[in-house]
C-alpha atoms as a PDB file:
ATOM      1  CA  MET A   1      91.814 139.536 172.161  1.00  0.00           C
ATOM      2  CA  GLU A   2      92.939 141.244 175.362  1.00  0.00           C
ATOM      3  CA  LEU A   3      89.382 141.175 176.741  1.00  0.00           C
ATOM      4  CA  ARG A   4      89.149 137.437 176.081  1.00  0.00           C
ATOM      5  CA  LYS A   5      92.468 136.804 177.834  1.00  0.00           C
ATOM      6  CA  ARG A   6      91.371 138.802 180.866  1.00  0.00           C
ATOM      7  CA  LEU A   7      88.002 137.052 181.024  1.00  0.00           C
ATOM      8  CA  VAL A   8      89.658 133.633 180.873  1.00  0.00           C
ATOM      9  CA  ALA A   9      92.196 134.644 183.531  1.00  0.00           C
ATOM     10  CA  GLU A  10      89.528 136.020 185.873  1.00  0.00           C
ATOM     11  CA  THR A  11      86.879 133.343 185.426  1.00  0.00           C
ATOM     12  CA  GLY A  12      88.737 130.192 184.464  1.00  0.00           C
ATOM     13  CA  VAL A  13      86.071 129.619 181.807  1.00  0.00           C
ATOM     14  CA  HIS A  14      87.290 128.676 178.313  1.00  0.00           C
ATOM     15  CA  ILE A  15      86.310 131.343 175.795  1.00  0.00           C
ATOM     16  CA  ALA A  16      87.012 130.784 172.103  1.00  0.00           C
ATOM     17  CA  PRO A  17      89.396 133.263 170.429  1.00  0.00           C
ATOM     18  CA  SER A  18      86.685 134.096 167.875  1.00  0.00           C
ATOM     19  CA  VAL A  19      84.141 135.152 170.518  1.00  0.00           C
ATOM     20  CA  VAL A  20      84.135 138.868 169.643  1.00  0.00           C
ATOM     21  CA  PHE A  21      83.684 138.053 165.960  1.00  0.00           C
ATOM     22  CA  ASP A  22      80.913 135.543 166.664  1.00  0.00           C
ATOM     23  CA  HIS A  23      79.159 138.018 169.007  1.00  0.00           C
ATOM     24  CA  PRO A  24      79.990 141.538 167.731  1.00  0.00           C
ATOM     25  CA  SER A  25      77.380 143.403 169.807  1.00  0.00           C
ATOM     26  CA  VAL A  26      77.706 144.083 173.527  1.00  0.00           C
ATOM     27  CA  GLY A  27      74.353 142.415 174.191  1.00  0.00           C
ATOM     28  CA  GLY A  28      75.252 139.316 172.197  1.00  0.00           C
ATOM     29  CA  LEU A  29      78.646 139.004 173.852  1.00  0.00           C
ATOM     30  CA  THR A  30      77.156 139.476 177.309  1.00  0.00           C
ATOM     31  CA  LYS A  31      74.477 136.841 176.698  1.00  0.00           C
ATOM     32  CA  TYR A  32      77.112 134.404 175.432  1.00  0.00           C
ATOM     33  CA  LEU A  33      79.374 135.038 178.433  1.00  0.00           C
ATOM     34  CA  LEU A  34      76.534 134.535 180.903  1.00  0.00           C
ATOM     35  CA  GLU A  35      75.665 131.234 179.222  1.00  0.00           C
ATOM     36  CA  GLN A  36      79.305 130.162 179.488  1.00  0.00           C
ATOM     37  CA  PHE A  37      79.494 131.138 183.154  1.00  0.00           C
ATOM     38  CA  GLU A  38      76.241 129.311 183.939  1.00  0.00           C
ATOM     39  CA  THR A  39      77.460 126.185 182.142  1.00  0.00           C
ATOM     40  CA  ALA A  40      80.842 126.357 183.847  1.00  0.00           C
ATOM     41  CA  GLY A  41      79.141 126.764 187.189  1.00  0.00           C
ATOM     42  CA  THR A  42      76.996 123.711 186.571  1.00  0.00           C
ATOM     43  CA  ASP A  43      79.813 121.576 185.172  1.00  0.00           C
ATOM     44  CA  ALA A  44      82.277 122.410 187.911  1.00  0.00           C
ATOM     45  CA  ASP A  45      79.656 122.564 190.665  1.00  0.00           C
ATOM     46  CA  VAL A  46      80.713 126.124 191.413  1.00  0.00           C
ATOM     47  CA  SER A  47      78.230 128.011 193.562  1.00  0.00           C
ATOM     48  CA  VAL A  48      77.474 131.688 193.728  1.00  0.00           C
ATOM     49  CA  LEU A  49      79.251 131.782 197.072  1.00  0.00           C
ATOM     50  CA  ASP A  50      82.423 130.490 195.400  1.00  0.00           C
ATOM     51  CA  TYR A  51      82.242 133.382 192.933  1.00  0.00           C
ATOM     52  CA  ILE A  52      81.800 135.829 195.793  1.00  0.00           C
ATOM     53  CA  GLU A  53      84.817 134.328 197.544  1.00  0.00           C
ATOM     54  CA  ARG A  54      86.896 134.687 194.362  1.00  0.00           C
ATOM     55  CA  LEU A  55      85.785 138.289 194.013  1.00  0.00           C
ATOM     56  CA  GLY A  56      86.800 139.011 197.605  1.00  0.00           C
ATOM     57  CA  THR A  57      90.191 137.435 197.056  1.00  0.00           C
ATOM     58  CA  SER A  58      90.675 139.384 193.842  1.00  0.00           C
ATOM     59  CA  LEU A  59      89.747 142.677 195.490  1.00  0.00           C
ATOM     60  CA  THR A  60      92.085 142.210 198.434  1.00  0.00           C
ATOM     61  CA  ALA A  61      94.979 141.036 196.255  1.00  0.00           C
ATOM     62  CA  ARG A  62      94.956 144.123 194.031  1.00  0.00           C
ATOM     63  CA  ASN A  63      95.855 147.735 194.537  1.00  0.00           C
ATOM     64  CA  ILE A  64      92.523 149.328 193.641  1.00  0.00           C
ATOM     65  CA  ASP A  65      92.255 153.077 193.124  1.00  0.00           C
ATOM     66  CA  THR A  66      89.568 155.157 194.816  1.00  0.00           C
ATOM     67  CA  GLN A  67      87.359 155.492 191.730  1.00  0.00           C
ATOM     68  CA  LEU A  68      87.343 151.760 191.013  1.00  0.00           C
ATOM     69  CA  ARG A  69      86.741 151.000 194.693  1.00  0.00           C
ATOM     70  CA  ALA A  70      83.683 153.299 194.596  1.00  0.00           C
ATOM     71  CA  GLU A  71      82.385 151.619 191.417  1.00  0.00           C
ATOM     72  CA  VAL A  72      82.834 148.159 192.946  1.00  0.00           C
ATOM     73  CA  ALA A  73      81.088 149.239 196.152  1.00  0.00           C
ATOM     74  CA  ALA A  74      78.161 150.674 194.182  1.00  0.00           C
ATOM     75  CA  ARG A  75      77.828 147.495 192.129  1.00  0.00           C
ATOM     76  CA  LEU A  76      77.952 145.314 195.244  1.00  0.00           C
ATOM     77  CA  ARG A  77      75.233 147.428 196.871  1.00  0.00           C
ATOM     78  CA  ALA A  78      73.102 147.010 193.737  1.00  0.00           C
ATOM     79  CA  LEU A  79      73.651 143.247 193.825  1.00  0.00           C
ATOM     80  CA  ALA A  80      72.721 143.170 197.507  1.00  0.00           C
ATOM     81  CA  ARG A  81      69.443 144.937 196.693  1.00  0.00           C
ATOM     82  CA  ILE A  82      68.752 142.370 193.972  1.00  0.00           C
ATOM     83  CA  CYS A  83      69.346 139.535 196.430  1.00  0.00           C
ATOM     84  CA  GLU A  84      66.911 141.066 198.902  1.00  0.00           C
ATOM     85  CA  GLU A  85      64.096 141.516 196.350  1.00  0.00           C
ATOM     86  CA  PRO A  86      61.642 138.623 196.090  1.00  0.00           C
ATOM     87  CA  GLY A  87      60.689 137.492 192.595  1.00  0.00           C
ATOM     88  CA  THR A  88      63.169 139.586 190.622  1.00  0.00           C
ATOM     89  CA  ASP A  89      63.411 139.347 186.847  1.00  0.00           C
ATOM     90  CA  SER A  90      65.760 136.815 185.339  1.00  0.00           C
ATOM     91  CA  MET A  91      69.295 137.921 184.557  1.00  0.00           C
ATOM     92  CA  THR A  92      68.639 137.393 180.847  1.00  0.00           C
ATOM     93  CA  ALA A  93      65.702 139.813 180.935  1.00  0.00           C
ATOM     94  CA  ARG A  94      67.797 142.388 182.756  1.00  0.00           C
ATOM     95  CA  ILE A  95      70.594 142.114 180.221  1.00  0.00           C
ATOM     96  CA  GLU A  96      68.224 142.349 177.287  1.00  0.00           C
ATOM     97  CA  SER A  97      66.660 145.503 178.736  1.00  0.00           C
ATOM     98  CA  ALA A  98      69.961 147.120 179.777  1.00  0.00           C
ATOM     99  CA  SER A  99      71.392 150.000 177.791  1.00  0.00           C
ATOM    100  CA  ASP A 100      74.820 149.801 176.177  1.00  0.00           C
ATOM    101  CA  ASP A 101      76.138 152.154 178.872  1.00  0.00           C
ATOM    102  CA  ASP A 102      74.800 149.837 181.596  1.00  0.00           C
ATOM    103  CA  LEU A 103      76.460 146.822 179.981  1.00  0.00           C
ATOM    104  CA  PHE A 104      79.773 148.631 179.561  1.00  0.00           C
ATOM    105  CA  ALA A 105      79.609 149.803 183.181  1.00  0.00           C
ATOM    106  CA  PHE A 106      78.977 146.225 184.310  1.00  0.00           C
ATOM    107  CA  ILE A 107      81.885 144.889 182.252  1.00  0.00           C
ATOM    108  CA  ARG A 108      84.139 147.709 183.461  1.00  0.00           C
ATOM    109  CA  THR A 109      83.155 146.989 187.066  1.00  0.00           C
ATOM    110  CA  GLU A 110      83.556 143.227 186.795  1.00  0.00           C
ATOM    111  CA  PHE A 111      86.660 143.144 184.606  1.00  0.00           C
ATOM    112  CA  GLY A 112      88.034 146.673 185.038  1.00  0.00           C
ATOM    113  CA  LYS A 113      91.588 147.775 184.671  1.00  0.00           C
ATOM    114  CA  ASP A 114      94.130 146.306 187.068  1.00  0.00           C
END
């Protein structure tokens, strides 16, 4: 329940209270969340640049410890490499091939502790 509240607060995307029961695996939950974010982006005409702007605002508005700052920096570098690669795999394929540890690290990085 706490995860759902934090996701809604951070993204502004409506997520049903039953989401963790409907999608009990990390992979299933991640796939569902990505679909919701993609739909929300299309419906609200929100671009990737808007998400980056929100991330920047969130990072500057919070007191982030050194470890979290390092994790965020590493994730941003990884995303920058993805952006620079031509013809990369789809996000769905990456999620499906990611390990549980990778998915948890992504969730921790994106929605980590305040």
